[in-house]
Protein backbone atom coordinates (compact mmCIF):
# COMPACT_ATOMS: atom_id res chain seq x y z
CA MET A 1 21.67 -82.04 23.96
CA ARG A 2 22.63 -85.69 23.38
CA THR A 3 22.50 -86.90 19.76
CA ALA A 4 24.84 -89.92 19.64
CA VAL A 5 22.11 -92.52 19.07
CA SER A 6 20.36 -90.44 16.40
CA GLU A 7 23.70 -89.88 14.67
CA ALA A 8 24.43 -93.61 14.66
CA LEU A 9 20.96 -94.42 13.33
CA PHE A 10 21.33 -91.83 10.58
CA GLU A 11 24.65 -93.34 9.51
CA ARG A 12 22.91 -96.69 9.15
CA ALA A 13 19.84 -95.19 7.47
CA VAL A 14 21.66 -93.40 4.64
CA LYS A 15 23.05 -96.76 3.49
CA VAL A 16 19.64 -98.33 2.99
CA MET A 17 17.15 -95.47 2.44
CA PRO A 18 17.35 -92.47 0.05
CA GLY A 19 18.76 -89.66 2.18
CA GLY A 20 18.32 -91.87 5.22
CA VAL A 21 14.60 -91.07 5.48
CA ASN A 22 11.19 -92.08 4.18
CA SER A 23 10.00 -88.51 3.61
CA PRO A 24 12.37 -85.73 2.42
CA VAL A 25 11.77 -83.03 5.05
CA ARG A 26 12.77 -85.44 7.82
CA ALA A 27 16.37 -85.40 6.59
CA PHE A 28 17.01 -81.90 8.01
CA GLY A 29 18.52 -80.99 4.65
CA ALA A 30 17.14 -77.45 4.82
CA VAL A 31 18.26 -76.78 8.38
CA GLY A 32 21.46 -78.76 8.84
CA GLY A 33 22.41 -81.20 11.52
CA VAL A 34 21.28 -84.75 12.16
CA PRO A 35 17.59 -85.65 12.21
CA ARG A 36 16.24 -86.78 15.54
CA PHE A 37 14.98 -90.35 15.58
CA ILE A 38 11.83 -90.44 17.69
CA LYS A 39 10.99 -93.46 19.81
CA SER A 40 7.92 -92.40 21.77
CA ALA A 41 5.42 -89.65 22.46
CA LYS A 42 2.82 -88.70 25.03
CA GLY A 43 0.59 -85.66 25.22
CA GLN A 44 2.46 -82.63 23.91
CA TYR A 45 5.89 -84.26 24.15
CA ILE A 46 8.01 -86.48 21.93
CA TYR A 47 11.13 -88.34 23.02
CA ASP A 48 14.07 -89.26 20.80
CA GLU A 49 16.37 -92.27 20.93
CA ASP A 50 18.83 -90.28 23.06
CA ASP A 51 16.06 -89.71 25.64
CA ASN A 52 15.77 -86.00 24.89
CA ARG A 53 12.30 -84.55 25.44
CA TYR A 54 10.76 -81.94 23.12
CA ILE A 55 7.59 -79.88 23.11
CA ASP A 56 6.14 -81.13 19.84
CA TYR A 57 4.79 -78.55 17.40
CA ILE A 58 4.54 -81.00 14.49
CA GLY A 59 2.04 -83.51 15.85
CA SER A 60 2.64 -85.89 12.91
CA TRP A 61 1.95 -82.84 10.67
CA GLY A 62 -1.40 -82.04 12.19
CA PRO A 63 -3.54 -85.06 13.06
CA MET A 64 -2.55 -85.34 16.73
CA ILE A 65 -5.01 -82.62 17.66
CA LEU A 66 -5.70 -84.21 21.05
CA GLY A 67 -2.02 -84.81 21.68
CA HIS A 68 -0.02 -88.01 21.37
CA CYS A 69 -1.33 -91.31 22.72
CA ASP A 70 -4.60 -89.92 23.98
CA ASP A 71 -5.81 -92.57 26.42
CA ARG A 72 -9.26 -92.79 24.85
CA VAL A 73 -7.94 -93.25 21.32
CA GLN A 74 -5.20 -95.62 22.41
CA GLU A 75 -7.64 -97.83 24.33
CA ALA A 76 -9.99 -97.99 21.34
CA VAL A 77 -7.14 -98.97 18.99
CA ILE A 78 -5.84 -101.70 21.30
CA LYS A 79 -9.32 -103.15 21.67
CA GLN A 80 -9.93 -103.07 17.92
CA ALA A 81 -6.57 -104.69 17.18
CA GLU A 82 -7.70 -107.73 19.14
CA ASN A 83 -10.30 -108.34 16.42
CA GLY A 84 -7.86 -108.19 13.50
CA LEU A 85 -5.63 -105.71 11.68
CA SER A 86 -7.01 -105.81 8.13
CA PHE A 87 -9.73 -107.74 6.32
CA GLY A 88 -9.87 -106.47 2.74
CA ALA A 89 -13.64 -106.59 3.13
CA ALA A 90 -16.43 -104.26 4.17
CA THR A 91 -16.80 -103.44 7.88
CA GLY A 92 -19.37 -101.70 10.04
CA LEU A 93 -16.70 -99.24 11.12
CA GLU A 94 -16.48 -97.82 7.59
CA VAL A 95 -20.21 -97.14 7.64
CA GLU A 96 -20.00 -95.50 11.05
CA MET A 97 -17.11 -93.27 9.93
CA ALA A 98 -18.89 -92.23 6.73
CA GLU A 99 -22.10 -91.43 8.60
CA LEU A 100 -20.18 -89.43 11.19
CA ILE A 101 -18.35 -87.27 8.64
CA CYS A 102 -21.52 -86.70 6.60
CA GLU A 103 -23.26 -85.60 9.80
CA ILE A 104 -20.46 -83.22 10.82
CA VAL A 105 -19.72 -81.68 7.41
CA PRO A 106 -22.86 -80.54 5.53
CA CYS A 107 -21.11 -80.32 2.14
CA VAL A 108 -20.20 -84.02 2.33
CA GLU A 109 -23.16 -86.14 1.23
CA MET A 110 -21.13 -89.20 0.27
CA ILE A 111 -17.54 -90.11 1.07
CA ARG A 112 -14.92 -92.68 0.06
CA MET A 113 -12.09 -93.74 2.36
CA VAL A 114 -8.56 -94.02 0.98
CA ASN A 115 -5.10 -94.34 2.52
CA SER A 116 -3.48 -90.90 2.36
CA GLY A 117 -4.03 -87.26 1.53
CA THR A 118 -2.18 -87.74 -1.76
CA GLU A 119 -4.56 -90.53 -2.75
CA ALA A 120 -7.56 -88.47 -1.69
CA VAL A 121 -6.54 -85.54 -3.91
CA MET A 122 -5.69 -87.77 -6.85
CA SER A 123 -9.08 -89.49 -6.59
CA ALA A 124 -11.06 -86.27 -6.13
CA ILE A 125 -9.52 -84.76 -9.24
CA ARG A 126 -10.30 -87.92 -11.22
CA ALA A 127 -13.91 -87.71 -10.03
CA ALA A 128 -14.09 -84.05 -11.02
CA ARG A 129 -12.78 -84.84 -14.49
CA GLY A 130 -15.17 -87.75 -14.88
CA PHE A 131 -18.14 -85.68 -13.74
CA THR A 132 -17.44 -82.65 -15.95
CA GLY A 133 -15.94 -84.44 -18.95
CA ARG A 134 -13.09 -81.92 -18.86
CA ASP A 135 -9.36 -82.38 -18.33
CA LYS A 136 -7.74 -79.19 -17.02
CA VAL A 137 -7.20 -78.42 -13.35
CA ILE A 138 -6.36 -75.08 -11.71
CA LYS A 139 -4.08 -75.19 -8.67
CA PHE A 140 -2.19 -72.43 -6.89
CA GLU A 141 1.53 -71.76 -6.70
CA GLY A 142 2.89 -72.92 -3.36
CA CYS A 143 -0.08 -75.12 -2.49
CA TYR A 144 0.89 -78.73 -1.88
CA HIS A 145 -1.63 -81.43 -2.75
CA GLY A 146 0.48 -84.53 -2.34
CA HIS A 147 2.97 -86.09 -4.71
CA ALA A 148 0.73 -87.30 -7.53
CA ASP A 149 2.34 -86.42 -10.87
CA ALA A 150 -0.16 -83.77 -11.93
CA MET A 151 0.11 -81.90 -8.63
CA LEU A 152 3.91 -81.54 -8.55
CA VAL A 153 3.76 -78.21 -10.34
CA LYS A 154 4.94 -75.25 -8.26
CA ALA A 155 4.12 -77.24 -5.15
CA GLY A 156 4.82 -76.07 -1.61
CA SER A 157 6.18 -77.62 1.57
CA GLY A 158 9.34 -79.71 1.24
CA VAL A 159 9.49 -79.10 -2.50
CA MET A 160 9.93 -75.37 -1.84
CA THR A 161 12.62 -76.01 0.74
CA SER A 162 14.68 -78.18 -1.57
CA GLY A 163 14.59 -75.55 -4.29
CA VAL A 164 13.04 -78.01 -6.76
CA PRO A 165 9.74 -76.53 -7.97
CA ASP A 166 8.89 -79.66 -9.95
CA SER A 167 9.92 -83.30 -9.72
CA SER A 168 12.13 -85.24 -12.07
CA GLY A 169 10.40 -88.37 -13.29
CA VAL A 170 7.10 -86.64 -14.02
CA PRO A 171 6.37 -86.89 -17.76
CA GLU A 172 5.51 -83.62 -19.44
CA GLY A 173 2.13 -84.98 -20.47
CA CYS A 174 1.11 -85.63 -16.87
CA ALA A 175 1.32 -81.96 -15.99
CA LYS A 176 0.17 -80.38 -19.25
CA ASP A 177 -3.40 -80.03 -18.00
CA THR A 178 -2.38 -78.49 -14.67
CA LEU A 179 -2.78 -74.71 -14.74
CA THR A 180 -1.29 -72.58 -11.96
CA ALA A 181 -2.74 -69.40 -10.54
CA VAL A 182 -1.46 -67.01 -7.87
CA TYR A 183 -2.84 -67.56 -4.37
CA ASN A 184 -5.07 -64.69 -3.21
CA ASP A 185 -5.12 -63.27 -6.77
CA ILE A 186 -8.58 -63.87 -8.18
CA VAL A 187 -7.66 -62.01 -11.39
CA SER A 188 -5.10 -64.71 -12.23
CA VAL A 189 -7.80 -67.36 -11.78
CA LYS A 190 -10.31 -65.51 -13.92
CA LYS A 191 -7.71 -65.17 -16.69
CA LEU A 192 -7.18 -68.94 -16.75
CA PHE A 193 -10.94 -69.51 -16.94
CA GLU A 194 -11.28 -67.03 -19.80
CA GLU A 195 -8.49 -68.75 -21.72
CA ASN A 196 -9.70 -72.30 -21.01
CA HIS A 197 -13.37 -71.85 -20.14
CA ASP A 198 -14.65 -75.06 -21.76
CA ASP A 199 -11.79 -77.24 -20.52
CA ILE A 200 -11.47 -76.65 -16.77
CA ALA A 201 -12.79 -79.49 -14.64
CA CYS A 202 -12.00 -78.05 -11.23
CA VAL A 203 -10.14 -75.61 -9.04
CA ILE A 204 -8.31 -77.19 -6.10
CA VAL A 205 -7.17 -74.98 -3.25
CA GLU A 206 -5.92 -75.11 0.30
CA PRO A 207 -8.42 -72.77 2.02
CA VAL A 208 -5.53 -71.91 4.33
CA ALA A 209 -2.28 -72.46 2.47
CA ALA A 210 -0.37 -74.42 5.10
CA ASN A 211 2.41 -75.80 2.92
CA MET A 212 4.24 -72.55 2.20
CA GLY A 213 4.21 -71.68 5.87
CA VAL A 214 0.75 -70.46 6.85
CA VAL A 215 -0.75 -68.09 4.28
CA LEU A 216 -4.30 -67.00 4.99
CA SER A 217 -6.86 -66.71 2.23
CA GLU A 218 -7.83 -63.07 2.04
CA LYS A 219 -11.38 -61.87 2.55
CA GLY A 220 -13.56 -62.69 -0.42
CA PHE A 221 -11.01 -64.94 -2.17
CA LEU A 222 -12.71 -68.27 -1.50
CA GLU A 223 -16.13 -66.77 -2.20
CA ALA A 224 -14.85 -65.48 -5.56
CA LEU A 225 -13.52 -68.95 -6.43
CA ARG A 226 -16.97 -70.38 -5.68
CA GLU A 227 -18.56 -67.84 -7.99
CA LEU A 228 -16.11 -68.45 -10.84
CA CYS A 229 -16.57 -72.21 -10.63
CA ASP A 230 -20.34 -71.78 -10.77
CA GLU A 231 -20.06 -69.38 -13.70
CA TYR A 232 -17.88 -71.69 -15.79
CA GLY A 233 -19.34 -75.03 -14.74
CA ALA A 234 -16.23 -76.22 -12.91
CA LEU A 235 -16.04 -77.91 -9.51
CA LEU A 236 -14.44 -76.38 -6.43
CA ILE A 237 -12.28 -78.75 -4.36
CA PHE A 238 -11.10 -77.82 -0.88
CA ASP A 239 -7.93 -79.66 0.09
CA GLU A 240 -8.54 -79.94 3.83
CA VAL A 241 -5.78 -82.41 4.62
CA ILE A 242 -4.45 -79.76 7.02
CA THR A 243 -7.55 -77.71 7.92
CA GLY A 244 -10.14 -80.48 8.07
CA PHE A 245 -11.41 -81.05 11.65
CA ARG A 246 -8.59 -78.79 12.89
CA LEU A 247 -9.63 -75.27 11.98
CA ALA A 248 -13.14 -76.13 13.18
CA ILE A 249 -15.12 -79.33 13.58
CA GLY A 250 -16.45 -78.73 10.06
CA GLY A 251 -13.06 -77.60 8.78
CA ALA A 252 -12.45 -74.58 6.60
CA ALA A 253 -15.77 -75.05 4.83
CA GLU A 254 -17.49 -74.31 8.13
CA TYR A 255 -14.99 -71.71 9.31
CA PHE A 256 -15.19 -69.56 6.16
CA GLY A 257 -18.78 -70.41 5.25
CA VAL A 258 -17.95 -71.44 1.68
CA ARG A 259 -19.35 -74.72 0.34
CA PRO A 260 -17.00 -76.71 -1.93
CA ASP A 261 -18.23 -79.41 -4.30
CA LEU A 262 -15.59 -81.89 -3.13
CA VAL A 263 -13.30 -81.99 -0.11
CA THR A 264 -10.23 -84.08 0.72
CA TYR A 265 -9.06 -85.20 4.16
CA GLY A 266 -5.93 -86.83 5.51
CA LYS A 267 -4.65 -88.59 8.59
CA ILE A 268 -6.61 -86.53 11.11
CA ILE A 269 -9.63 -88.76 10.40
CA GLY A 270 -7.52 -91.72 11.49
CA GLY A 271 -6.21 -90.19 14.69
CA GLY A 272 -2.80 -90.03 13.01
CA MET A 273 -2.92 -93.46 11.37
CA PRO A 274 -2.44 -93.78 7.59
CA VAL A 275 -5.79 -92.77 6.11
CA GLY A 276 -7.45 -90.24 3.86
CA ALA A 277 -10.85 -89.60 2.30
CA TYR A 278 -12.60 -87.61 -0.40
CA GLY A 279 -16.24 -86.72 -0.52
CA GLY A 280 -18.82 -84.15 -1.44
CA ARG A 281 -21.99 -83.81 -3.47
CA ARG A 282 -23.98 -87.00 -3.95
CA ASP A 283 -24.32 -86.58 -7.72
CA ILE A 284 -20.54 -86.27 -8.11
CA MET A 285 -19.63 -89.13 -5.79
CA SER A 286 -22.21 -91.35 -7.49
CA ILE A 287 -19.99 -91.62 -10.56
CA VAL A 288 -17.28 -93.37 -8.50
CA SER A 289 -17.08 -97.15 -8.98
CA PRO A 290 -18.90 -99.41 -8.43
CA LEU A 291 -21.80 -97.00 -9.00
CA GLY A 292 -20.17 -95.17 -11.90
CA LYS A 293 -17.33 -95.28 -14.38
CA VAL A 294 -14.67 -93.42 -12.37
CA TYR A 295 -12.48 -96.19 -11.04
CA GLN A 296 -10.75 -96.04 -7.67
CA ALA A 297 -9.92 -98.86 -5.27
CA GLY A 298 -7.67 -99.78 -2.35
CA THR A 299 -7.12 -102.97 -0.37
CA LEU A 300 -6.44 -101.07 2.86
CA SER A 301 -9.06 -98.36 2.37
CA GLY A 302 -11.25 -98.13 5.47
CA ASN A 303 -8.74 -100.11 7.53
CA PRO A 304 -10.53 -101.10 10.76
CA ILE A 305 -7.77 -99.92 13.10
CA ALA A 306 -7.60 -96.50 11.42
CA MET A 307 -11.39 -96.23 11.38
CA ARG A 308 -11.68 -96.99 15.08
CA ALA A 309 -8.98 -94.45 15.95
CA GLY A 310 -10.59 -91.82 13.74
CA ILE A 311 -14.13 -92.39 14.95
CA THR A 312 -12.97 -92.07 18.55
CA GLN A 313 -11.07 -88.84 17.90
CA LEU A 314 -13.79 -87.23 15.77
CA LYS A 315 -16.46 -88.00 18.37
CA ILE A 316 -14.34 -86.39 21.07
CA LEU A 317 -13.92 -83.27 18.93
CA LYS A 318 -17.61 -83.20 17.99
CA ASN A 319 -18.77 -83.50 21.58
CA ASP A 320 -16.33 -81.00 23.12
CA PRO A 321 -16.26 -77.62 21.31
CA SER A 322 -14.02 -76.23 24.08
CA ILE A 323 -11.08 -78.03 22.46
CA TYR A 324 -11.18 -75.66 19.50
CA LYS A 325 -11.39 -72.65 21.79
CA HIS A 326 -8.43 -73.91 23.82
CA ILE A 327 -6.08 -74.59 20.89
CA ALA A 328 -7.05 -71.32 19.19
CA LEU A 329 -6.27 -69.34 22.35
CA LEU A 330 -2.91 -71.09 22.66
CA GLY A 331 -2.20 -70.35 19.00
CA GLU A 332 -2.93 -66.66 19.52
CA ARG A 333 -0.79 -66.65 22.67
CA LEU A 334 2.13 -68.09 20.72
CA ARG A 335 1.76 -65.65 17.83
CA ASN A 336 1.40 -62.62 20.10
CA GLY A 337 4.46 -63.66 22.08
CA LEU A 338 6.57 -64.12 18.97
CA ARG A 339 5.35 -60.81 17.49
CA LYS A 340 6.27 -59.01 20.69
CA ALA A 341 9.72 -60.64 20.68
CA VAL A 342 10.62 -59.66 17.12
CA LYS A 343 9.22 -56.16 17.61
CA GLU A 344 11.30 -55.58 20.75
CA ALA A 345 14.34 -56.94 18.93
CA GLY A 346 13.70 -54.48 16.09
CA LEU A 347 13.39 -57.26 13.52
CA PRO A 348 11.03 -57.12 10.52
CA TRP A 349 10.01 -60.78 10.65
CA ASN A 350 6.39 -61.77 10.09
CA ILE A 351 4.32 -64.13 12.22
CA THR A 352 1.18 -65.50 10.60
CA GLY A 353 -1.46 -67.99 11.61
CA ILE A 354 -5.03 -68.89 12.30
CA GLY A 355 -6.49 -71.00 15.10
CA SER A 356 -3.92 -73.60 16.11
CA LEU A 357 -1.73 -73.07 13.00
CA SER A 358 1.22 -70.66 13.08
CA CYS A 359 4.37 -69.73 11.16
CA ILE A 360 7.28 -67.31 11.52
CA TYR A 361 8.72 -65.89 8.28
CA PHE A 362 12.18 -64.40 8.18
CA THR A 363 11.24 -61.66 5.75
CA ASP A 364 9.88 -58.12 5.89
CA GLU A 365 7.47 -58.89 3.05
CA ASN A 366 3.74 -59.19 3.65
CA VAL A 367 3.38 -62.92 2.97
CA ARG A 368 0.24 -63.53 0.93
CA ASP A 369 1.35 -65.86 -1.88
CA TYR A 370 4.13 -68.13 -3.18
CA ASP A 371 6.48 -65.36 -4.34
CA SER A 372 6.31 -63.39 -1.09
CA ALA A 373 6.77 -66.58 0.97
CA LYS A 374 9.93 -67.37 -0.99
CA THR A 375 11.52 -64.08 0.11
CA SER A 376 12.00 -65.56 3.57
CA ASP A 377 15.63 -66.06 4.59
CA THR A 378 15.89 -69.84 4.88
CA LYS A 379 19.40 -69.62 6.34
CA LYS A 380 18.09 -67.48 9.20
CA PHE A 381 15.28 -69.96 9.71
CA ALA A 382 17.77 -72.84 9.85
CA GLU A 383 19.73 -71.02 12.55
CA TYR A 384 16.53 -70.35 14.49
CA PHE A 385 15.41 -73.96 14.08
CA ARG A 386 18.62 -75.39 15.50
CA TYR A 387 18.55 -72.99 18.46
CA MET A 388 14.96 -73.88 19.31
CA LEU A 389 15.54 -77.61 18.83
CA ASP A 390 18.52 -77.58 21.20
CA ARG A 391 16.22 -76.04 23.81
CA GLY A 392 13.56 -78.68 23.46
CA ASN A 393 11.17 -77.18 20.91
CA TYR A 394 10.43 -79.51 18.00
CA ILE A 395 9.15 -77.48 15.04
CA GLY A 396 9.02 -78.39 11.38
CA PRO A 397 12.54 -78.54 9.86
CA SER A 398 11.55 -76.22 7.02
CA GLN A 399 10.67 -72.55 6.72
CA PHE A 400 7.58 -73.55 4.77
CA GLU A 401 5.84 -75.77 7.31
CA ALA A 402 3.22 -74.89 9.89
CA LEU A 403 3.44 -75.16 13.68
CA PHE A 404 0.60 -77.26 15.11
CA ILE A 405 -0.80 -76.92 18.62
CA SER A 406 -2.71 -79.74 20.31
CA ASP A 407 -5.21 -79.85 23.15
CA SER A 408 -2.44 -81.31 25.33
CA HIS A 409 -0.31 -78.17 25.09
CA THR A 410 -0.45 -75.76 28.02
CA GLU A 411 0.15 -72.08 28.54
CA ALA A 412 3.40 -73.04 30.28
CA ASP A 413 4.56 -74.86 27.13
CA ILE A 414 3.76 -71.86 24.96
CA ASP A 415 5.47 -69.45 27.36
CA LYS A 416 8.61 -71.59 27.46
CA THR A 417 8.77 -71.59 23.65
CA ILE A 418 8.27 -67.82 23.57
CA LYS A 419 11.03 -67.35 26.18
CA ASP A 420 13.42 -69.45 24.12
CA ALA A 421 12.58 -67.39 21.03
CA GLU A 422 13.14 -64.15 22.98
CA GLU A 423 16.58 -65.38 23.95
CA TYR A 424 17.37 -66.22 20.33
CA PHE A 425 16.23 -62.77 19.15
CA GLY A 426 18.23 -61.11 21.94
CA VAL A 427 15.27 -59.62 23.75
């Protein structure tokens, strides 16, 4: 596979950007080799600067649920751009987006647009603290909630891959009120509540932990979190930056039937454009400025281009439930094919997933939390990654990222990826 142009671009990039990238996992540091510089995408495919084509299983880390450059979304964005790119003032599109989300997601009674998942989480936690008058936050080992200071404590995703569980530059005081529990271990959560019962403002959780691979919440876990929060007067926050509008039209809250107090969303509500949002109960959101004393603002929040893209995509998803059936069937087809391949090869690797999210772990451990996820052989994954990439399969360059399937993917795409994996495993 040709890489000369990407290699030349990377040589230039490392001179002017830290690591040659604008987000760490893009550097291929965990898998070796030179990152591919992408120039275009359409449907289920992305194309790099060397004109190589890949079946894309990243989809901009989830939001391209319809596939890249969906004609309907693209047309709406082009038309909106003709009216202006940014106003720094209120628009009708913001109202339409807010009404649409509140209609789709019953637990969201009011919502505030922001510019990223990180900002959404940061703002939701501030609202929870302001509402409860408490400071401490419970998060889970291996769950990634963006790069705000207080959340970089035993975070997942790229932080796990780099072997740095916390970030330099985060003052000790910023993280002192962040308590960590073990994912899928309700006893560890209850212990933290018992030790800090008057101080905990909220519990924040990925209802499907999709930043240490794909770790499913076990039966009863989310329900037990709801009960503990109610018992101790804390708020429950679902971080649905990954699962929102992907696991189901109503996200994980709908899929699992558990109602959080607050929920955070990311770029899927902008059709892949830079956007995020946090929302939930009316009484909680009413303390956000200008109504209340919890301050949060953003010049680009509710950007009209992002709103138009997101409204178009969400309406398509809302009006066509078959999309969720299609991507879930493709996800199951991929997982079954990979399971069959490793079984026939006599390998103990684990394949996990739900709906259109999947992950292969190079470990014989039952992956259910941060510690078991970390037993995966990252060197084996790196070898697998390079093999699959050279055969035109673009997956996340980290053991601890999810594979995303879009509505543009086909059974033929999935079968090709399975065949390539079979060849790698020697089946």
